[in-house]
Amino acid sequence: MTMSLSAELWPDVQPETARRLMLAGVEAFAKRGYHATTTRDIAGAAGMSPAALYVHFPSKAALLFAISRYGHEQTLALVENVVAKESDPVERIRLIVEDFVAWHARRHTVARVVQYELQALPEKEFEVVAELRRRIERIVRDVITAGAESGVFTVSDAHISARAVLSLGVDVARWYTERARQTPTALGKEYGGLVLRMLGASQPETPVTD
C-alpha cells in the first residue's frame, strides 16, 4: 500500500498526517502484530518522529481503535446500503456477501488488522467495535430470518447461519493476496453463490465475470 491510498481508505480523517499514521499502523500491525509493534515503528514507517504520533493519537491503542472502528463502519455501511436498495431476501444476502467479501479481499491488509487484532483493544474501545459487529450480524440475521419465513431459505438457526456467512467473508482477509487467482469482485460473486446454496436457496447458475 502507498500513502496516496490513505485518503481513499479514510476520507473523513483529517489531517493527512493522521491518515498517514493510520496507514503506517496498518502495515506495522499486519507485519508484526499489535503487541510487537512500537510507536517508533509506526512513526518511522510514516516518515515522522516518534513524538509526532501523539499529536494525533494519544496511544498505540487509540490508533488501533481508529483503524478498527473505521473498518467496521465501512463494512456496516456496505450492508446497510444493500438492505436499503433491495427487498428480496435472496438478492439481499447475495449482494451483502458479494460486497462484504470483495471489501475484505480488496482491503485485505487493513481487514486483517480490523478483524484479527480486536482483542488488543481496551475494554471501552472494544465494546464500541463489538456493537458495530453486532449491528452487522443483526442485519444479516434479519435477512436470513425473512428468507426462512418466506420459504426461500432452509435454515435451522438464523443466528448461527448469520455468523457462518460473515465468518466466510472475514476469513478472506486472512489468505487473500494480489496473487490470488480471482479478483475481489469475482471472488465476491463466487462466495455469493456459495452462500445461497449453503442457505438452501434455489438459484440459476450464472457465469462469474468481473
Foldseek 3Di string as FASTA:
>chain_A
DDLVCLCVLCVPDDDSLLSLLLVLLLVQCLVQNLVRDDLCSSQVSSVHHSVVNCVNAVDSLRSLLVLLLSVLVVLLVQLVVLVVPDPQLLSSLLSNQLVLLLVCQVPLSSLCSNPPNLVVHPPVSSVSSVVSVVSSLVSQLVSLVVCVVVPQFDDDHSSVLSVVSNVVSSCSSVDHDPPDPDHSNLVSNVSSVVSSVVRVGDDDDDDRDD
